[in-house]
Amino acid sequence: MKRRFVAAMLAGVMACSLAGCNTKSPMAGKEEAATAADSQSDSNTQAAQGENEAEKQEKAAGPITIQFWNAFTGTDGDVLREIVDRYNKENGKDITIEMDIMPASSLEEKLPAAIASKTAPALIIRGNFDTATYTDNGILTPLDDFFEKTGVDSSNFSEASLQALKYNGTQMMIPMQVHSTFLYWNKDLFEAAGLDPETPPATWEEAGEYALKISDPSRKLYGIGFPISGAPCYFDAMFKANGGDVFSSDGKSSVLDSPENLKTLQYIQSLVEQGAAPVGSTGADTDNLMLAGQMGIYCGGPWLISGLKEAEINFGVTGMPAGDKEAAGVIEVQGLGVTSTASEEEKAAAYDFIAYWNSDATCKEWSLRNGYPPYLKSLAEDADIKADATVNALSSIADFGFSFAPGIKPVKQINNDILFPMIENVVAGNDPQEELTKASESIDKLLSE
């Protein structure tokens, strides 16, 4: 508005000056009139250009309303709604975000149709395993200019969190939440088994030894759990910890069938056969055993914390254990993405909210209220973060987290349709080597399509 006013004012001043007392000859008057007309025309053009630019800025900054879809259906969604409501009241740019929270399955079903009909929301939250598919399907628009346009410091993000949301080197989403799997242990069960309740297992070998001491299948008491579906892909981390992997470095072929990965599957099967882990349990089953105080050791996500507290379980949480090579946990990143059908004005409004989300204040609030580790480096030494024992423990993700299969389009399908069924068969007693070979061949076939 300031630019529009100044341009109009200048035009008015010039017109008033040219309309002043004329003491020159009639011919000179005609020439000056022509000059005045030309000047007036130039001034009007400048004013119009200033007005157009001002209008563009006003449209980019507001008033504008954008739609925001996500799948935060749990208690963390309540916190998200509070933050969005506060942003709407405080952004000062007449930007309004209307948020629609729905189950992930509904979002995945509705979004492609909305893109096709150009009725899609401008802003969405999806995970890093969706990045490649959503890019190839034309759902996401590149965000490489986000940091330059907003002034947000890209170096303040962990490299792994940014890398997880890239596709072919292009930043497709900006982190809004980072987590991994962590090792939880029931301190009361440790003490009952003669173990130090304040010392969790540091390695997978120790975890197996402790699990055998804790287990009593006759009482439905288990030392450890290995879900066969509906859980974080803990086995990807176990493979990595023992020196194995799933994909070649270029992502074009499987390296699953290896001695290192065979050792991991044999380890899982051995503990199941000895009664230290339940057979055929889903993620929900193992979560419930942990919440009921019937499981000693479990690798799960940060969402377990509130449930364990509500169930009054005396628990501890720490980073993932080490294998033969290293401690490893798959970093999963939820990202804020802008859809391909968003207008430039909607994209600008979405950028403003994404920048707001990635401020220290908002990231800190999300971490402390939901128990997720902060991913901004500027919060690493924050006093409140360090004072919260649980969040501080989850911050160990910086020591063991790695980005799994970035840019590999069918990674979700491979985990859900090939690797989880492989684990299910191994837990059921099938030969680990045969399962490993079969799964590796299936991955190669899928990658070649």
Protein backbone atom coordinates (compact mmCIF):
# COMPACT_ATOMS: atom_id res chain seq x y z
CA MET A 1 0.00 0.00 0.00
CA LYS A 2 2.91 2.36 0.75
CA ARG A 3 4.30 1.96 -2.77
CA ARG A 4 0.85 2.57 -4.29
CA PHE A 5 0.41 5.75 -2.27
CA VAL A 6 3.86 7.13 -3.15
CA ALA A 7 3.42 6.46 -6.87
CA ALA A 8 0.00 8.12 -6.93
CA MET A 9 1.29 11.05 -4.91
CA LEU A 10 4.17 11.64 -7.32
CA ALA A 11 1.76 11.63 -10.26
CA GLY A 12 -0.43 14.17 -8.51
CA VAL A 13 2.50 16.44 -7.66
CA MET A 14 3.71 16.42 -11.27
CA ALA A 15 0.21 17.20 -12.58
CA CYS A 16 -0.19 20.12 -10.16
CA SER A 17 3.22 21.54 -11.14
CA LEU A 18 2.41 21.35 -14.84
CA ALA A 19 -0.96 23.06 -14.32
CA GLY A 20 0.70 26.11 -12.67
CA CYS A 21 0.75 29.75 -14.10
CA ASN A 22 1.97 29.87 -17.72
CA THR A 23 3.89 33.03 -18.76
CA LYS A 24 5.41 31.64 -21.98
CA SER A 25 4.28 31.92 -25.61
CA PRO A 26 1.29 29.96 -26.89
CA MET A 27 3.64 27.68 -28.87
CA ALA A 28 5.69 27.05 -25.79
CA GLY A 29 2.46 26.33 -23.99
CA LYS A 30 1.53 23.69 -26.56
CA GLU A 31 4.96 22.10 -26.27
CA GLU A 32 4.74 22.10 -22.51
CA ALA A 33 1.23 20.70 -22.68
CA ALA A 34 2.54 17.87 -24.83
CA THR A 35 5.42 17.36 -22.46
CA ALA A 36 3.01 17.44 -19.56
CA ALA A 37 0.80 14.86 -21.24
CA ASP A 38 3.80 12.61 -21.85
CA SER A 39 4.96 13.09 -18.28
CA GLN A 40 1.47 12.44 -16.99
CA SER A 41 1.33 9.26 -19.09
CA ASP A 42 4.71 8.11 -17.74
CA SER A 43 3.61 8.89 -14.20
CA ASN A 44 0.36 7.00 -14.64
CA THR A 45 2.32 4.04 -16.00
CA GLN A 46 4.68 4.15 -13.02
CA ALA A 47 1.74 4.44 -10.65
CA ALA A 48 0.03 1.51 -12.31
CA GLN A 49 3.20 -0.57 -12.09
CA GLY A 50 3.56 0.34 -8.42
CA GLU A 51 -0.08 -0.56 -7.86
CA ASN A 52 0.34 -3.92 -9.61
CA GLU A 53 3.40 -4.73 -7.54
CA ALA A 54 1.63 -3.68 -4.35
CA GLU A 55 -1.33 -5.86 -5.27
CA LYS A 56 0.96 -8.80 -5.86
CA GLN A 57 2.54 -8.29 -2.46
CA GLU A 58 -0.84 -7.96 -0.81
CA LYS A 59 -2.05 -11.14 -2.47
CA ALA A 60 1.10 -13.00 -1.40
CA ALA A 61 0.80 -11.77 2.17
CA GLY A 62 -2.96 -11.80 2.57
CA PRO A 63 -5.82 -11.77 3.01
CA ILE A 64 -5.74 -15.36 1.85
CA THR A 65 -7.05 -18.69 3.09
CA ILE A 66 -5.32 -21.97 2.32
CA GLN A 67 -6.31 -25.56 3.02
CA PHE A 68 -4.06 -27.87 5.03
CA TRP A 69 -4.48 -31.67 5.06
CA ASN A 70 -2.70 -34.09 7.39
CA ALA A 71 -3.21 -37.36 9.22
CA PHE A 72 -2.41 -36.35 12.82
CA THR A 73 -5.46 -38.10 14.26
CA GLY A 74 -3.94 -38.74 17.72
CA THR A 75 -3.39 -36.42 20.66
CA ASP A 76 -0.55 -34.77 18.75
CA GLY A 77 -3.22 -33.52 16.35
CA ASP A 78 -4.76 -31.51 19.19
CA VAL A 79 -1.42 -29.79 19.73
CA LEU A 80 -1.07 -29.19 16.00
CA ARG A 81 -4.51 -27.58 15.90
CA GLU A 82 -3.55 -25.24 18.75
CA ILE A 83 -0.42 -24.16 16.91
CA VAL A 84 -2.31 -23.54 13.66
CA ASP A 85 -4.98 -21.54 15.50
CA ARG A 86 -2.31 -19.42 17.15
CA TYR A 87 -0.60 -18.82 13.81
CA ASN A 88 -3.90 -17.67 12.31
CA LYS A 89 -4.31 -15.12 15.10
CA GLU A 90 -0.71 -13.90 15.24
CA ASN A 91 0.77 -13.97 11.73
CA GLY A 92 -0.22 -10.36 11.03
CA LYS A 93 -0.51 -10.98 7.28
CA ASP A 94 -4.19 -11.92 7.02
CA ILE A 95 -3.24 -15.52 6.25
CA THR A 96 -5.76 -18.10 7.42
CA ILE A 97 -5.08 -21.82 7.44
CA GLU A 98 -8.07 -24.15 7.44
CA MET A 99 -6.90 -27.56 8.60
CA ASP A 100 -8.54 -30.90 7.87
CA ILE A 101 -7.25 -33.89 9.86
CA MET A 102 -8.16 -37.31 8.49
CA PRO A 103 -6.88 -40.91 8.62
CA ALA A 104 -3.82 -41.50 6.46
CA SER A 105 -5.72 -43.93 4.26
CA SER A 106 -8.38 -41.31 3.53
CA LEU A 107 -5.78 -38.67 2.73
CA GLU A 108 -3.95 -41.01 0.35
CA GLU A 109 -7.23 -41.82 -1.39
CA LYS A 110 -8.56 -38.26 -1.65
CA LEU A 111 -5.40 -36.36 -2.59
CA PRO A 112 -4.77 -37.65 -6.15
CA ALA A 113 -8.39 -36.95 -7.11
CA ALA A 114 -8.18 -33.47 -5.60
CA ILE A 115 -5.01 -32.77 -7.59
CA ALA A 116 -6.70 -33.91 -10.80
CA SER A 117 -9.72 -31.68 -10.17
CA LYS A 118 -7.55 -28.78 -8.97
CA THR A 119 -9.32 -28.74 -5.60
CA ALA A 120 -6.32 -29.97 -3.59
CA PRO A 121 -5.11 -28.23 -0.45
CA ALA A 122 -2.09 -25.98 -0.82
CA LEU A 123 -0.34 -27.54 2.19
CA ILE A 124 0.04 -31.17 3.27
CA ILE A 125 2.08 -33.29 5.67
CA ARG A 126 3.50 -36.55 4.38
CA GLY A 127 6.40 -38.81 5.30
CA ASN A 128 9.79 -39.23 3.68
CA PHE A 129 8.79 -42.62 2.23
CA ASP A 130 6.11 -40.78 0.22
CA THR A 131 8.50 -38.26 -1.31
CA ALA A 132 9.46 -40.15 -4.47
CA THR A 133 5.94 -41.37 -5.27
CA TYR A 134 4.28 -38.02 -4.61
CA THR A 135 6.87 -36.27 -6.78
CA ASP A 136 6.54 -38.68 -9.69
CA ASN A 137 2.76 -38.51 -9.46
CA GLY A 138 2.83 -34.74 -9.76
CA ILE A 139 1.43 -34.04 -6.31
CA LEU A 140 4.32 -32.03 -4.86
CA THR A 141 5.98 -28.89 -6.16
CA PRO A 142 9.75 -28.33 -5.61
CA LEU A 143 10.72 -26.21 -2.60
CA ASP A 144 14.34 -25.46 -3.46
CA ASP A 145 13.69 -21.71 -3.14
CA PHE A 146 12.14 -21.98 0.33
CA PHE A 147 15.26 -21.08 2.34
CA GLU A 148 16.19 -18.13 0.13
CA LYS A 149 12.67 -16.69 0.09
CA THR A 150 11.96 -17.08 3.81
CA GLY A 151 15.39 -16.53 5.32
CA VAL A 152 15.15 -19.80 7.25
CA ASP A 153 18.66 -21.18 7.81
CA SER A 154 19.04 -24.55 6.10
CA SER A 155 22.22 -25.28 8.07
CA ASN A 156 20.13 -25.34 11.26
CA PHE A 157 18.50 -28.60 10.12
CA SER A 158 20.13 -31.97 10.50
CA GLU A 159 21.42 -33.05 7.11
CA ALA A 160 19.62 -36.39 7.39
CA SER A 161 16.24 -34.68 7.88
CA LEU A 162 16.64 -32.59 4.73
CA GLN A 163 18.08 -35.44 2.69
CA ALA A 164 15.15 -37.68 3.57
CA LEU A 165 12.75 -35.24 1.91
CA LYS A 166 14.71 -34.80 -1.31
CA TYR A 167 14.11 -36.56 -4.61
CA ASN A 168 16.78 -36.58 -7.29
CA GLY A 169 18.57 -33.85 -5.37
CA THR A 170 15.55 -31.54 -5.20
CA GLN A 171 14.02 -30.48 -1.88
CA MET A 172 10.37 -31.55 -2.12
CA MET A 173 9.27 -31.03 1.49
CA ILE A 174 10.58 -29.23 4.59
CA PRO A 175 10.85 -31.13 7.90
CA MET A 176 8.17 -30.64 10.56
CA GLN A 177 8.89 -33.69 12.70
CA VAL A 178 11.73 -36.17 12.94
CA HIS A 179 11.69 -39.45 14.81
CA SER A 180 13.13 -42.91 14.85
CA THR A 181 12.64 -46.10 16.79
CA PHE A 182 14.03 -46.13 20.32
CA LEU A 183 14.67 -48.84 22.85
CA TYR A 184 12.14 -48.92 25.71
CA TRP A 185 12.60 -51.08 28.76
CA ASN A 186 10.39 -51.96 31.71
CA LYS A 187 12.40 -51.22 34.84
CA ASP A 188 10.23 -53.33 37.12
CA LEU A 189 10.65 -56.40 34.92
CA PHE A 190 14.39 -55.79 34.79
CA GLU A 191 14.59 -55.68 38.56
CA ALA A 192 12.43 -58.80 38.94
CA ALA A 193 14.82 -60.65 36.60
CA GLY A 194 17.87 -59.60 38.61
CA LEU A 195 18.95 -56.95 36.10
CA ASP A 196 19.95 -53.38 36.86
CA PRO A 197 16.74 -51.40 36.21
CA GLU A 198 18.71 -48.29 35.33
CA THR A 199 20.96 -49.95 32.73
CA PRO A 200 19.40 -50.81 29.37
CA PRO A 201 21.10 -53.15 26.92
CA ALA A 202 23.75 -51.37 24.87
CA THR A 203 23.91 -54.02 22.15
CA TRP A 204 21.53 -56.39 20.41
CA GLU A 205 23.46 -59.27 21.94
CA GLU A 206 22.80 -57.91 25.43
CA ALA A 207 19.14 -57.31 24.52
CA GLY A 208 18.80 -61.01 23.67
CA GLU A 209 20.45 -62.09 26.91
CA TYR A 210 18.24 -59.80 28.99
CA ALA A 211 15.11 -60.90 27.11
CA LEU A 212 15.75 -64.55 27.96
CA LYS A 213 16.08 -63.70 31.66
CA ILE A 214 12.84 -61.70 31.70
CA SER A 215 10.64 -64.08 29.69
CA ASP A 216 8.03 -66.40 31.17
CA PRO A 217 5.62 -67.50 28.39
CA SER A 218 3.42 -69.31 30.92
CA ARG A 219 2.56 -65.90 32.35
CA LYS A 220 2.47 -64.28 28.90
CA LEU A 221 5.55 -62.35 29.93
CA TYR A 222 7.98 -61.66 27.09
CA GLY A 223 11.46 -60.25 27.06
CA ILE A 224 11.31 -58.63 23.64
CA GLY A 225 8.98 -58.16 20.67
CA PHE A 226 9.38 -58.49 16.89
CA PRO A 227 6.15 -57.36 15.19
CA ILE A 228 5.26 -58.91 11.84
CA SER A 229 3.20 -55.94 10.57
CA GLY A 230 1.80 -52.56 11.50
CA ALA A 231 4.95 -51.28 13.17
CA PRO A 232 8.05 -49.22 12.40
CA CYS A 233 10.47 -51.12 10.18
CA TYR A 234 12.87 -51.99 13.00
CA PHE A 235 14.52 -54.72 10.92
CA ASP A 236 16.01 -52.14 8.51
CA ALA A 237 17.88 -50.70 11.51
CA MET A 238 18.95 -54.15 12.73
CA PHE A 239 20.36 -54.97 9.28
CA LYS A 240 22.34 -51.72 9.29
CA ALA A 241 23.62 -52.24 12.83
CA ASN A 242 25.05 -55.64 11.89
CA GLY A 243 26.73 -54.29 8.77
CA GLY A 244 24.04 -55.27 6.27
CA ASP A 245 21.74 -53.28 4.03
CA VAL A 246 18.73 -53.69 1.76
CA PHE A 247 19.66 -51.66 -1.33
CA SER A 248 22.84 -51.09 -3.29
CA SER A 249 24.40 -47.64 -2.98
CA ASP A 250 22.80 -46.53 -6.27
CA GLY A 251 19.40 -47.88 -5.19
CA LYS A 252 19.04 -50.01 -8.31
CA SER A 253 19.40 -53.49 -6.87
CA SER A 254 18.97 -55.55 -3.72
CA VAL A 255 21.84 -56.48 -1.41
CA LEU A 256 19.50 -58.09 1.10
CA ASP A 257 20.82 -61.62 0.63
CA SER A 258 24.00 -61.29 2.68
CA PRO A 259 25.69 -63.12 5.62
CA GLU A 260 25.14 -60.04 7.80
CA ASN A 261 21.41 -59.97 7.21
CA LEU A 262 21.16 -63.75 7.62
CA LYS A 263 22.68 -63.37 11.08
CA THR A 264 20.00 -60.81 11.97
CA LEU A 265 17.16 -63.11 10.90
CA GLN A 266 18.68 -66.05 12.78
CA TYR A 267 18.91 -63.87 15.90
CA ILE A 268 15.20 -62.97 15.68
CA GLN A 269 14.15 -66.57 15.06
CA SER A 270 16.27 -67.90 17.92
CA LEU A 271 14.68 -65.61 20.49
CA VAL A 272 11.19 -66.49 19.25
CA GLU A 273 11.95 -70.23 19.42
CA GLN A 274 13.22 -69.85 23.00
CA GLY A 275 10.00 -68.15 24.06
CA ALA A 276 11.54 -64.71 24.60
CA ALA A 277 9.30 -63.10 21.94
CA PRO A 278 5.66 -63.74 20.99
CA VAL A 279 4.79 -65.43 17.69
CA GLY A 280 2.78 -63.57 15.05
CA SER A 281 2.24 -60.34 16.98
CA THR A 282 1.38 -57.12 15.15
CA GLY A 283 2.59 -53.68 16.12
CA ALA A 284 -0.63 -53.10 18.04
CA ASP A 285 -0.16 -56.41 19.89
CA THR A 286 3.37 -55.61 20.99
CA ASP A 287 2.42 -52.04 21.92
CA ASN A 288 -0.35 -53.43 24.13
CA LEU A 289 1.98 -55.95 25.78
CA MET A 290 4.37 -53.12 26.62
CA LEU A 291 1.51 -50.96 27.91
CA ALA A 292 0.24 -53.86 30.02
CA GLY A 293 3.65 -54.34 31.65
CA GLN A 294 4.12 -57.74 29.97
CA MET A 295 7.15 -56.98 27.80
CA GLY A 296 10.63 -56.13 28.98
CA ILE A 297 12.29 -54.65 25.88
CA TYR A 298 10.70 -53.10 22.83
CA CYS A 299 11.79 -50.88 19.95
CA GLY A 300 9.08 -48.36 19.14
CA GLY A 301 8.41 -44.74 18.28
CA PRO A 302 7.95 -41.67 20.51
CA TRP A 303 4.17 -42.10 20.43
CA LEU A 304 4.53 -44.87 23.05
CA ILE A 305 5.62 -42.41 25.71
CA SER A 306 2.26 -40.87 26.59
CA GLY A 307 0.62 -44.31 26.74
CA LEU A 308 3.32 -45.70 29.01
CA LYS A 309 2.94 -42.73 31.32
CA GLU A 310 -0.84 -43.06 31.42
CA ALA A 311 -0.50 -46.79 32.17
CA GLU A 312 1.94 -45.89 34.97
CA ILE A 313 4.62 -48.21 33.59
CA ASN A 314 8.01 -47.70 35.21
CA PHE A 315 9.99 -47.41 31.99
CA GLY A 316 13.14 -46.01 30.48
CA VAL A 317 13.92 -45.02 26.91
CA THR A 318 17.24 -44.73 25.13
CA GLY A 319 18.83 -44.91 21.70
CA MET A 320 18.86 -48.03 19.56
CA PRO A 321 21.35 -50.74 20.53
CA ALA A 322 24.51 -51.47 18.57
CA GLY A 323 25.05 -54.54 16.44
CA ASP A 324 28.33 -55.94 15.18
CA LYS A 325 29.12 -52.64 13.44
CA GLU A 326 27.24 -49.72 14.96
CA ALA A 327 24.07 -48.45 16.61
CA ALA A 328 21.50 -47.63 13.97
CA GLY A 329 17.93 -46.41 13.73
CA VAL A 330 15.95 -45.37 10.68
CA ILE A 331 15.11 -41.69 10.69
CA GLU A 332 11.54 -41.03 9.63
CA VAL A 333 10.72 -37.47 8.71
CA GLN A 334 7.30 -35.92 8.33
CA GLY A 335 7.48 -32.99 5.96
CA LEU A 336 5.40 -29.97 5.08
CA GLY A 337 4.80 -29.98 1.35
CA VAL A 338 3.16 -27.61 -1.13
CA THR A 339 0.96 -29.20 -3.76
CA SER A 340 1.47 -28.69 -7.48
CA THR A 341 -1.94 -27.03 -7.89
CA ALA A 342 -1.24 -24.26 -5.36
CA SER A 343 -1.15 -20.74 -6.82
CA GLU A 344 1.87 -18.51 -6.26
CA GLU A 345 -0.11 -16.61 -3.62
CA GLU A 346 -1.04 -19.85 -1.85
CA LYS A 347 2.55 -21.05 -2.05
CA ALA A 348 3.76 -17.81 -0.46
CA ALA A 349 1.24 -18.22 2.37
CA ALA A 350 2.29 -21.85 2.85
CA TYR A 351 5.94 -20.78 2.98
CA ASP A 352 5.11 -18.32 5.75
CA PHE A 353 3.54 -21.04 7.88
CA ILE A 354 6.38 -23.50 7.20
CA ALA A 355 8.84 -20.84 8.34
CA TYR A 356 6.73 -20.25 11.47
CA TRP A 357 6.72 -23.97 12.20
CA ASN A 358 10.49 -24.18 11.92
CA SER A 359 11.14 -21.44 14.45
CA ASP A 360 12.86 -22.43 17.68
CA ALA A 361 9.73 -21.63 19.71
CA THR A 362 7.38 -23.86 17.70
CA CYS A 363 9.82 -26.74 17.30
CA LYS A 364 10.55 -26.65 21.03
CA GLU A 365 6.87 -26.62 21.95
CA TRP A 366 6.17 -29.60 19.65
CA SER A 367 9.07 -31.55 21.17
CA LEU A 368 8.21 -30.93 24.79
CA ARG A 369 4.46 -31.46 24.45
CA ASN A 370 4.61 -34.57 22.25
CA GLY A 371 7.92 -36.15 23.24
CA TYR A 372 9.50 -35.92 19.79
CA PRO A 373 13.20 -35.09 19.51
CA PRO A 374 13.99 -31.57 18.24
CA TYR A 375 15.63 -31.56 14.81
CA LEU A 376 16.86 -27.96 14.81
CA LYS A 377 20.50 -27.71 15.85
CA SER A 378 19.81 -24.45 17.67
CA LEU A 379 17.80 -26.42 20.27
CA ALA A 380 20.51 -28.98 21.01
CA GLU A 381 21.67 -27.18 24.16
CA ASP A 382 18.31 -25.69 25.13
CA ALA A 383 17.92 -25.81 28.91
CA ASP A 384 14.27 -26.95 28.86
CA ILE A 385 15.00 -29.68 26.32
CA LYS A 386 17.95 -30.96 28.34
CA ALA A 387 15.90 -30.83 31.54
CA ASP A 388 13.23 -33.14 30.09
CA ALA A 389 14.75 -36.60 30.60
CA THR A 390 12.59 -38.29 27.99
CA VAL A 391 13.04 -35.72 25.21
CA ASN A 392 16.73 -35.49 26.02
CA ALA A 393 17.03 -39.27 25.62
CA LEU A 394 15.22 -39.13 22.29
CA SER A 395 17.70 -36.50 21.12
CA SER A 396 20.24 -39.30 20.87
CA ILE A 397 18.77 -39.80 17.39
CA ALA A 398 21.61 -37.52 16.26
CA ASP A 399 24.06 -40.26 17.23
CA PHE A 400 22.46 -43.27 15.56
CA GLY A 401 19.85 -42.08 13.06
CA PHE A 402 20.27 -42.64 9.33
CA SER A 403 18.10 -41.92 6.30
CA PHE A 404 16.87 -45.18 4.81
CA ALA A 405 16.48 -45.56 1.04
CA PRO A 406 16.08 -41.87 0.09
CA GLY A 407 14.70 -41.48 -3.42
CA ILE A 408 13.74 -45.14 -3.88
CA LYS A 409 10.17 -44.93 -5.06
CA PRO A 410 8.77 -48.34 -4.01
CA VAL A 411 10.38 -48.37 -0.54
CA LYS A 412 7.02 -48.41 1.29
CA GLN A 413 5.81 -51.26 -0.86
CA ILE A 414 9.05 -53.17 -0.29
CA ASN A 415 8.84 -52.79 3.48
CA ASN A 416 5.13 -53.65 3.69
CA ASP A 417 4.79 -56.30 0.98
CA ILE A 418 8.19 -58.01 1.02
CA LEU A 419 10.20 -57.39 4.18
CA PHE A 420 7.43 -57.60 6.79
CA PRO A 421 6.14 -60.88 5.24
CA MET A 422 9.73 -62.16 5.32
CA ILE A 423 9.90 -61.39 9.06
CA GLU A 424 6.51 -63.04 9.57
CA ASN A 425 7.72 -66.24 7.91
CA VAL A 426 10.97 -66.27 9.86
CA VAL A 427 9.10 -65.76 13.16
CA ALA A 428 6.78 -68.62 12.14
CA GLY A 429 9.78 -70.94 11.77
CA ASN A 430 10.63 -70.84 8.05
CA ASP A 431 14.26 -71.19 6.96
CA PRO A 432 15.90 -67.73 7.24
CA GLN A 433 18.20 -68.23 4.27
CA GLU A 434 15.36 -69.27 1.97
CA GLU A 435 13.28 -66.30 3.09
CA LEU A 436 16.19 -63.94 2.59
CA THR A 437 16.87 -65.16 -0.93
CA LYS A 438 13.19 -65.06 -1.90
CA ALA A 439 12.74 -61.54 -0.56
CA SER A 440 15.88 -60.29 -2.29
CA GLU A 441 14.69 -61.64 -5.63
CA SER A 442 11.30 -59.98 -5.14
CA ILE A 443 12.97 -56.64 -4.45
CA ASP A 444 15.10 -56.90 -7.59
CA LYS A 445 12.01 -57.68 -9.64
CA LEU A 446 10.16 -54.67 -8.24
CA LEU A 447 13.11 -52.32 -8.78
CA SER A 448 13.41 -53.40 -12.40
CA GLU A 449 9.79 -52.58 -13.25
